[in-house]
């Protein structure tokens, strides 16, 4: 036991007869109330700031989703070249649908559709690239997309020619 503890124990009676002044306790109590109020105000401010941050982030995400969804569609009105491409695209899509309908063998049709899906993936990559560059190289991209459509039609025409040739050969043999 150290000397201070021993002194306090021996003189404990002399310490207990003294009372602190009432004003000291009032001041301590007053300071305690302020710190509790400050903590409450700080907590409320913290939650308000946190709620504001969550709200701002949510609005930002919604705006971002809307922007990215709208930017995935091509703007055909951006230039006369794009307007012309829209017409060309519609023409080739119609041609592809008509020629696909002319295929009679279901196995061949399925195989051709798989090939066309691969060409569609290439087309979608070209389209995405055009959108990402904000139509910077639009004439080059449009040429590549038109070539993609032409390739689809050429594949279908070659298959249809072979199909018709087989029909003709079969008709000649059966005579």
C-alpha atoms as a PDB file:
ATOM      1  CA  UNK A   1       0.000   0.000   0.000  1.00  0.00           C
ATOM      2  CA  UNK A   2       1.430   3.401  -0.858  1.00  0.00           C
ATOM      3  CA  UNK A   3       1.630   6.395   1.430  1.00  0.00           C
ATOM      4  CA  UNK A   4      -1.306   8.295  -0.095  1.00  0.00           C
ATOM      5  CA  UNK A   5      -3.711   5.416   0.409  1.00  0.00           C
ATOM      6  CA  UNK A   6      -2.555   4.948   3.959  1.00  0.00           C
ATOM      7  CA  UNK A   7      -2.984   8.656   4.702  1.00  0.00           C
ATOM      8  CA  UNK A   8      -6.534   8.679   3.243  1.00  0.00           C
ATOM      9  CA  UNK A   9      -7.595   5.640   5.276  1.00  0.00           C
ATOM     10  CA  UNK A  10      -6.217   7.009   8.495  1.00  0.00           C
ATOM     11  CA  UNK A  11      -7.843  10.449   8.014  1.00  0.00           C
ATOM     12  CA  UNK A  12     -11.093   9.364   6.393  1.00  0.00           C
ATOM     13  CA  UNK A  13     -13.226  10.857   9.121  1.00  0.00           C
ATOM     14  CA  UNK A  14     -11.793  14.322   8.600  1.00  0.00           C
ATOM     15  CA  UNK A  15     -12.593  14.237   4.866  1.00  0.00           C
ATOM     16  CA  UNK A  16     -16.225  13.172   5.274  1.00  0.00           C
ATOM     17  CA  UNK A  17     -17.326  16.079   7.443  1.00  0.00           C
ATOM     18  CA  UNK A  18     -16.787  18.614   4.632  1.00  0.00           C
ATOM     19  CA  UNK A  19     -19.525  19.209   2.066  1.00  0.00           C
ATOM     20  CA  UNK A  20     -18.867  20.804  -1.364  1.00  0.00           C
ATOM     21  CA  UNK A  21     -20.513  24.105  -2.113  1.00  0.00           C
ATOM     22  CA  UNK A  22     -23.992  23.825  -3.745  1.00  0.00           C
ATOM     23  CA  UNK A  23     -22.921  26.042  -6.670  1.00  0.00           C
ATOM     24  CA  UNK A  24     -20.217  23.528  -7.649  1.00  0.00           C
ATOM     25  CA  UNK A  25     -22.827  20.761  -7.998  1.00  0.00           C
ATOM     26  CA  UNK A  26     -25.131  23.049 -10.004  1.00  0.00           C
ATOM     27  CA  UNK A  27     -22.287  23.903 -12.380  1.00  0.00           C
ATOM     28  CA  UNK A  28     -21.363  20.225 -12.837  1.00  0.00           C
ATOM     29  CA  UNK A  29     -25.009  19.368 -13.454  1.00  0.00           C
ATOM     30  CA  UNK A  30     -25.366  22.198 -15.960  1.00  0.00           C
ATOM     31  CA  UNK A  31     -22.259  21.049 -17.889  1.00  0.00           C
ATOM     32  CA  UNK A  32     -23.551  17.464 -17.954  1.00  0.00           C
ATOM     33  CA  UNK A  33     -26.858  18.602 -19.486  1.00  0.00           C
ATOM     34  CA  UNK A  34     -25.019  20.506 -22.232  1.00  0.00           C
ATOM     35  CA  UNK A  35     -22.908  17.526 -23.210  1.00  0.00           C
ATOM     36  CA  UNK A  36     -26.002  15.278 -23.411  1.00  0.00           C
ATOM     37  CA  UNK A  37     -27.781  17.864 -25.590  1.00  0.00           C
ATOM     38  CA  UNK A  38     -24.721  18.220 -27.814  1.00  0.00           C
ATOM     39  CA  UNK A  39     -24.579  14.446 -28.266  1.00  0.00           C
ATOM     40  CA  UNK A  40     -28.279  14.336 -29.210  1.00  0.00           C
ATOM     41  CA  UNK A  41     -27.874  17.200 -31.673  1.00  0.00           C
ATOM     42  CA  UNK A  42     -24.794  15.528 -33.141  1.00  0.00           C
ATOM     43  CA  UNK A  43     -26.669  12.225 -33.563  1.00  0.00           C
ATOM     44  CA  UNK A  44     -29.609  13.943 -35.241  1.00  0.00           C
ATOM     45  CA  UNK A  45     -27.274  15.893 -37.546  1.00  0.00           C
ATOM     46  CA  UNK A  46     -25.400  12.724 -38.401  1.00  0.00           C
ATOM     47  CA  UNK A  47     -28.608  10.906 -39.361  1.00  0.00           C
ATOM     48  CA  UNK A  48     -29.809  13.861 -41.438  1.00  0.00           C
ATOM     49  CA  UNK A  49     -26.509  13.970 -43.308  1.00  0.00           C
ATOM     50  CA  UNK A  50     -26.543  10.192 -43.818  1.00  0.00           C
ATOM     51  CA  UNK A  51     -30.125  10.323 -45.133  1.00  0.00           C
ATOM     52  CA  UNK A  52     -29.189  13.152 -47.500  1.00  0.00           C
ATOM     53  CA  UNK A  53     -26.219  11.186 -48.838  1.00  0.00           C
ATOM     54  CA  UNK A  54     -28.383   8.092 -49.409  1.00  0.00           C
ATOM     55  CA  UNK A  55     -31.005  10.215 -51.192  1.00  0.00           C
ATOM     56  CA  UNK A  56     -28.427  11.881 -53.445  1.00  0.00           C
ATOM     57  CA  UNK A  57     -26.820   8.538 -54.314  1.00  0.00           C
ATOM     58  CA  UNK A  58     -30.217   7.005 -55.082  1.00  0.00           C
ATOM     59  CA  UNK A  59     -31.149   9.858 -57.399  1.00  0.00           C
ATOM     60  CA  UNK A  60     -27.747   9.561 -59.096  1.00  0.00           C
ATOM     61  CA  UNK A  61     -28.215   5.834 -59.671  1.00  0.00           C
ATOM     62  CA  UNK A  62     -31.696   6.357 -61.122  1.00  0.00           C
ATOM     63  CA  UNK A  63     -30.435   9.065 -63.466  1.00  0.00           C
ATOM     64  CA  UNK A  64     -27.546   6.815 -64.507  1.00  0.00           C
ATOM     65  CA  UNK A  65     -29.871   3.897 -65.219  1.00  0.00           C
ATOM     66  CA  UNK A  66     -32.176   6.092 -67.307  1.00  0.00           C
ATOM     67  CA  UNK A  67     -29.240   7.566 -69.210  1.00  0.00           C
ATOM     68  CA  UNK A  68     -27.652   4.202 -69.963  1.00  0.00           C
ATOM     69  CA  UNK A  69     -31.002   2.711 -71.018  1.00  0.00           C
ATOM     70  CA  UNK A  70     -31.736   5.584 -73.373  1.00  0.00           C
ATOM     71  CA  UNK A  71     -28.212   5.679 -74.782  1.00  0.00           C
ATOM     72  CA  UNK A  72     -28.421   2.055 -75.985  1.00  0.00           C
ATOM     73  CA  UNK A  73     -30.835   3.014 -78.737  1.00  0.00           C
ATOM     74  CA  UNK A  74     -29.479   4.490 -81.912  1.00  0.00           C
ATOM     75  CA  UNK A  75     -30.497   8.028 -82.733  1.00  0.00           C
ATOM     76  CA  UNK A  76     -31.425   7.887 -86.412  1.00  0.00           C
ATOM     77  CA  UNK A  77     -32.239  11.599 -86.487  1.00  0.00           C
ATOM     78  CA  UNK A  78     -28.721  12.699 -85.611  1.00  0.00           C
ATOM     79  CA  UNK A  79     -27.665  13.063 -89.251  1.00  0.00           C
ATOM     80  CA  UNK A  80     -28.950  12.506 -92.793  1.00  0.00           C
ATOM     81  CA  UNK A  81     -26.540   9.579 -93.027  1.00  0.00           C
ATOM     82  CA  UNK A  82     -28.240   7.919 -90.036  1.00  0.00           C
ATOM     83  CA  UNK A  83     -31.695   8.521 -91.515  1.00  0.00           C
ATOM     84  CA  UNK A  84     -30.584   6.812 -94.717  1.00  0.00           C
ATOM     85  CA  UNK A  85     -29.057   3.966 -92.726  1.00  0.00           C
ATOM     86  CA  UNK A  86     -32.387   3.414 -90.940  1.00  0.00           C
ATOM     87  CA  UNK A  87     -34.085   2.850 -94.305  1.00  0.00           C
ATOM     88  CA  UNK A  88     -31.283   0.560 -95.460  1.00  0.00           C
ATOM     89  CA  UNK A  89     -31.426  -1.415 -92.241  1.00  0.00           C
ATOM     90  CA  UNK A  90     -35.196  -1.881 -92.588  1.00  0.00           C
ATOM     91  CA  UNK A  91     -34.739  -3.073 -96.193  1.00  0.00           C
ATOM     92  CA  UNK A  92     -32.131  -5.689 -95.282  1.00  0.00           C
ATOM     93  CA  UNK A  93     -34.065  -6.891 -92.233  1.00  0.00           C
ATOM     94  CA  UNK A  94     -37.109  -7.447 -94.463  1.00  0.00           C
ATOM     95  CA  UNK A  95     -34.961  -9.344 -96.966  1.00  0.00           C
ATOM     96  CA  UNK A  96     -33.544 -11.589 -94.241  1.00  0.00           C
ATOM     97  CA  UNK A  97     -37.014 -12.397 -92.876  1.00  0.00           C
ATOM     98  CA  UNK A  98     -38.372 -13.219 -96.355  1.00  0.00           C
ATOM     99  CA  UNK A  99     -35.443 -15.425 -97.246  1.00  0.00           C
ATOM    100  CA  UNK A 100     -35.546 -17.243 -93.910  1.00  0.00           C
ATOM    101  CA  UNK A 101     -39.208 -18.037 -94.545  1.00  0.00           C
ATOM    102  CA  UNK A 102     -38.253 -19.632 -97.881  1.00  0.00           C
ATOM    103  CA  UNK A 103     -36.012 -22.223 -96.245  1.00  0.00           C
ATOM    104  CA  UNK A 104     -37.815 -25.566 -96.152  1.00  0.00           C
ATOM    105  CA  UNK A 105     -35.425 -27.872 -94.274  1.00  0.00           C
ATOM    106  CA  UNK A 106     -35.790 -27.261 -90.508  1.00  0.00           C
ATOM    107  CA  UNK A 107     -32.230 -28.448 -89.745  1.00  0.00           C
ATOM    108  CA  UNK A 108     -30.707 -26.127 -92.319  1.00  0.00           C
ATOM    109  CA  UNK A 109     -32.927 -23.296 -91.104  1.00  0.00           C
ATOM    110  CA  UNK A 110     -31.755 -23.814 -87.506  1.00  0.00           C
ATOM    111  CA  UNK A 111     -28.089 -23.847 -88.601  1.00  0.00           C
ATOM    112  CA  UNK A 112     -28.566 -20.684 -90.649  1.00  0.00           C
ATOM    113  CA  UNK A 113     -30.300 -18.958 -87.743  1.00  0.00           C
ATOM    114  CA  UNK A 114     -27.304 -19.796 -85.523  1.00  0.00           C
ATOM    115  CA  UNK A 115     -24.975 -18.282 -88.132  1.00  0.00           C
ATOM    116  CA  UNK A 116     -27.159 -15.200 -88.330  1.00  0.00           C
ATOM    117  CA  UNK A 117     -27.063 -14.892 -84.523  1.00  0.00           C
ATOM    118  CA  UNK A 118     -23.273 -14.684 -84.710  1.00  0.00           C
ATOM    119  CA  UNK A 119     -23.593 -11.913 -87.291  1.00  0.00           C
ATOM    120  CA  UNK A 120     -26.117 -10.193 -85.009  1.00  0.00           C
ATOM    121  CA  UNK A 121     -23.550 -10.256 -82.191  1.00  0.00           C
ATOM    122  CA  UNK A 122     -21.039  -8.554 -84.477  1.00  0.00           C
ATOM    123  CA  UNK A 123     -23.706  -6.015 -85.459  1.00  0.00           C
ATOM    124  CA  UNK A 124     -24.463  -5.310 -81.773  1.00  0.00           C
ATOM    125  CA  UNK A 125     -20.760  -4.768 -81.086  1.00  0.00           C
ATOM    126  CA  UNK A 126     -20.587  -2.289 -83.971  1.00  0.00           C
ATOM    127  CA  UNK A 127     -23.718  -0.548 -82.702  1.00  0.00           C
ATOM    128  CA  UNK A 128     -22.314  -0.340 -79.159  1.00  0.00           C
ATOM    129  CA  UNK A 129     -19.050   1.036 -80.469  1.00  0.00           C
ATOM    130  CA  UNK A 130     -20.928   3.699 -82.417  1.00  0.00           C
ATOM    131  CA  UNK A 131     -22.941   4.677 -79.355  1.00  0.00           C
ATOM    132  CA  UNK A 132     -19.874   4.686 -77.091  1.00  0.00           C
ATOM    133  CA  UNK A 133     -17.959   6.960 -79.452  1.00  0.00           C
ATOM    134  CA  UNK A 134     -21.058   9.146 -79.823  1.00  0.00           C
ATOM    135  CA  UNK A 135     -21.231   8.614 -83.583  1.00  0.00           C
ATOM    136  CA  UNK A 136     -17.621   9.823 -84.052  1.00  0.00           C
ATOM    137  CA  UNK A 137     -16.848   7.383 -86.899  1.00  0.00           C
ATOM    138  CA  UNK A 138     -20.423   6.961 -88.020  1.00  0.00           C
ATOM    139  CA  UNK A 139     -19.759   6.591 -91.761  1.00  0.00           C
ATOM    140  CA  UNK A 140     -17.204   3.827 -91.188  1.00  0.00           C
ATOM    141  CA  UNK A 141     -19.482   2.095 -88.659  1.00  0.00           C
ATOM    142  CA  UNK A 142     -22.522   2.412 -90.913  1.00  0.00           C
ATOM    143  CA  UNK A 143     -20.570   0.843 -93.786  1.00  0.00           C
ATOM    144  CA  UNK A 144     -19.562  -2.061 -91.538  1.00  0.00           C
ATOM    145  CA  UNK A 145     -23.154  -2.552 -90.321  1.00  0.00           C
ATOM    146  CA  UNK A 146     -24.496  -2.479 -93.891  1.00  0.00           C
ATOM    147  CA  UNK A 147     -21.845  -5.034 -94.882  1.00  0.00           C
ATOM    148  CA  UNK A 148     -23.064  -7.173 -91.981  1.00  0.00           C
ATOM    149  CA  UNK A 149     -26.637  -7.021 -93.341  1.00  0.00           C
ATOM    150  CA  UNK A 150     -25.410  -7.819 -96.865  1.00  0.00           C
ATOM    151  CA  UNK A 151     -23.527 -10.832 -95.554  1.00  0.00           C
ATOM    152  CA  UNK A 152     -26.706 -12.171 -93.967  1.00  0.00           C
ATOM    153  CA  UNK A 153     -28.602 -11.796 -97.222  1.00  0.00           C
ATOM    154  CA  UNK A 154     -25.767 -13.408 -99.246  1.00  0.00           C
ATOM    155  CA  UNK A 155     -25.652 -16.408 -96.905  1.00  0.00           C
ATOM    156  CA  UNK A 156     -29.395 -16.866 -97.236  1.00  0.00           C
ATOM    157  CA  UNK A 157     -29.258 -16.463-101.042  1.00  0.00           C
ATOM    158  CA  UNK A 158     -26.508 -19.097-101.321  1.00  0.00           C
ATOM    159  CA  UNK A 159     -28.473 -21.547 -99.181  1.00  0.00           C
ATOM    160  CA  UNK A 160     -31.674 -20.870-101.150  1.00  0.00           C
ATOM    161  CA  UNK A 161     -29.822 -21.375-104.461  1.00  0.00           C
ATOM    162  CA  UNK A 162     -28.527 -24.750-103.236  1.00  0.00           C
ATOM    163  CA  UNK A 163     -31.996 -25.653-101.985  1.00  0.00           C
ATOM    164  CA  UNK A 164     -33.520 -24.770-105.375  1.00  0.00           C
ATOM    165  CA  UNK A 165     -30.748 -26.620-107.217  1.00  0.00           C
ATOM    166  CA  UNK A 166     -31.435 -29.751-105.171  1.00  0.00           C
ATOM    167  CA  UNK A 167     -35.166 -29.420-105.947  1.00  0.00           C
ATOM    168  CA  UNK A 168     -34.441 -29.056-109.655  1.00  0.00           C
ATOM    169  CA  UNK A 169     -32.027 -32.014-109.649  1.00  0.00           C
ATOM    170  CA  UNK A 170     -34.580 -34.115-107.805  1.00  0.00           C
ATOM    171  CA  UNK A 171     -37.302 -33.097-110.299  1.00  0.00           C
ATOM    172  CA  UNK A 172     -35.091 -34.012-113.273  1.00  0.00           C
ATOM    173  CA  UNK A 173     -34.153 -37.388-111.775  1.00  0.00           C
ATOM    174  CA  UNK A 174     -37.765 -38.270-111.016  1.00  0.00           C
ATOM    175  CA  UNK A 175     -38.805 -37.670-114.660  1.00  0.00           C
END
